[in-house]
Amino acid sequence: MFFPLPSDLTKNRPQMESCRGFRMWAFVLMCLMFQSGNGFYLPGSYPHKYGIGDELWVKVNSLTSIDTEIPFSYYSLPFCKPEGGVKDSAENLGELLVGDRIENSPYRFKMYTNESEIFLCQLEKLSDDQFNILKKRIDEMYQVNLLLDNLPAIRFTKKEDYMLRWTGYPVGIKIQDVYYLFNHLRFNVLVHKYEETNVARVMGTGDAAELIPTIGKEGSDKPGYMVVGFEVIPCSILHNADSVKGMNMYSKYPSPIKCDPSTVAMPIREGQPVTFTYEVTFEESDIKWPSRWDAYLKMEGAKVHWFSILNSLMVITFLAGIVLVIFLRTVRRDLTRYEELDKEAQAQMNEELSGWKLVVGDVFRAPTNSALLCIMVGDGVQILGMAVVTILFAALGFMSPASRGTLITGMLFFYMILGVAAGYVAVRLWRTIGYGDKKGWISVAWKAACFFPGIAFFILTTLNFLLWGSHSTGAIPFSLFVILILLWFCISVPLTLIGGLFGARAPHAEYPVRTNQIPREIPKQKYPSWLMVLGAGTLPFGTLFIELFFIMSSIWMGRVYYVFGFLLIVLILLVVVCAEVSLVLTYMHLCVEDWRWWWKSFFASGSVAIYIFLYSINYLVFDLKNLNGPVSATLYLGYSLFMVLAIMLATGTVGFLSSFWFVYYLFSSVKLD
């Protein structure tokens, strides 16, 4: 559809304006593609300069496992605690929702100062409960997650000729029914020399940084370093318990410690003391501070990822183009033949070509449960808008993994703001179906504000009770529950009602044809129409199933997902394909004189959610086959159901709105007396 400009503007508008617009979009697309491969990010953090000998403190995050998907607090296991007590770090809403619990730890380094045989603490005797919980966490393959200067600890292991990267290290290992604990850690900190002078000096940790001007200060020319890498090697060392009695934390262990990760020597037994030690080395690296996250953002099988995505995009684009061309030619031919005939010939043609022209008096008949349809379409607009805006900001680097929780926080923020769009679309569609009647618009707007959030709240509350029962850090605290409810009813609901008010005042779309009082009888179909509706979801599913694998691996396998540029392109392609599939199916239904297209157009594209849920079950059975326990499986299926519901509303909305526009355009083009 083209929107003409006033003639006085078009006369003086040079052609270079369109070229400039094209260059701008090309630049944005190149940025997104570059972002997909190199993972640059724009805002959010600054390099932290540390002088030689400055203290660096390691922080700990929740214990995680891909076998249970239930996070636990680091100090739920018998580990050494800091001398000043355990303190929580300030966390944002997104971190709390994903189960992160960042706390301080006793591990202390001094910048560019290598230290070895550092005694941390000794647990006198393992109690029965401590012994059993350690065994359970080792069986469940829990990983310890450490942070230094906001960088997660990374561990490298060699398998055959490949070097594998892992974040964190295992609590222990089981060999021949004997449990061994990793009680000695060898840290390797990669640092890069601070090159700029006379700039703001940043002191502090990743959670709070203080800018201190260095111009004119004495000692500002002293060498400083930035942390660009954090590696850990866990070892199991059998210490002499008697030799460390009376030793203070950070004292020198009395004998040399040889850390060999290929051997284990510290079996755990009930009533036995456990000694913890560590060592740290600093290594100057060529890695610059903006590139320090590259080791985490490199996905395994990157070439397969790139070529699979590009191949999928090209194939689906080609198929969608063919469908669109055939579709437009067919409709245009029907319209041309219909309009060129006189009235008698039109009547004869109607008898010969029983098709969409015969349902002209029923095509805009109000569907059953029209209020529910309006509510679901309004919520779908809200979810789709949130997804597009969030992925766009993430693709441009505003939600980098260095800023934990910003992705979830951004999604919540955009979802609440877009409540205006949900209320507007739901109420305006309600008025259009009701021929301009404003009665009941407040009820529709209120239900639109509560429908999807209410279902999500029910699912997440049920899953939260399971996490509470497991004493997991993934359980949302009660105070956070109160905050979420306040955000819902104090921000999201009022904004949705305001959008509904705008929708009630906006002019409704007037139908181009009149609706008969008596519904036309629908001929008996050879095949059930809902069978085609369910099968229509296969084409949209084909656009995203490859990307879906990487997203699922990121969520459930602990891998970092950061190719948001590709994800944005896949999302745009998914919207186009959903619209085309729904258009084709709506046209097919009208051609067989089935005028009940409203709900079918919604579920034609929304049925992709069924295939995504089936794929989630397949992923659970074949890729997460080590997932143990009914609680873990219930959590997985619950979160999958929540994701599938959101996808159904978003894709169904795209299909319905495109079909509504098509039906409106199609019957506006027919000349009727």
Foldseek 3Di string as FASTA:
>chain_A
DDDDDDPVVVVPDDPVVVVVVVVVVVVLLVLLQCCLPQVFFDDDDDFAWDFFFDKWFKKWKWKAFLQFRFTARPVVAPDFAAPVGKDWADDDLLCLQSLITIITGNDMDGPQDWWAQFFADKDQFAAPVNVVVLVVQQVRFIFIWMDTLLDIAKEWDDDDNDIDIDTGGTQWYDDPNFTFGQQEKEKEWEKEKDDDAQAFHWHDGLRDTDTDGPVPPPPSPRIIIGTLHMYMQTAADDDDPVQCPPPDGRDHRPDHDDGDSVDHDGTDDGTHMDTHYYIYHYDYDPDDRSNSCVVQADDPPVVCLVVVLVVLVVVLVVVLVVLVVVVVVVLVVVLVVLVVDDPVVNVVVCVVQVFLVVCLQPLLQQAPPNLVLLLLLLLLVLLLQLVLVLLSCLSNNVDRVSRPSPSVVSSLVSSLLSLLSSLQSSQLSVCQSVVNDNPPSLVSLQCSLCPLVVVVVVLLVVLLVLSVVVNGSSRNDPVSVVVVVCSSVVGRSVSSSNSNVVNSPDDHDHFLGHHDPDHDDQDDDPDDLVVLLLVLLPSLLSLCVSVVVVVCCVSSVVGDNRSSSSVSVSSVSSLSSLQSSLQVSLRVCRSSVNSNSQVSLLSSNLSNLVVQLVVLVVCCVPVSVSRDDPSSVSVSNSVSVSVSSSSSSNSSSSRNVSNVVVVRVSSNSHDDD
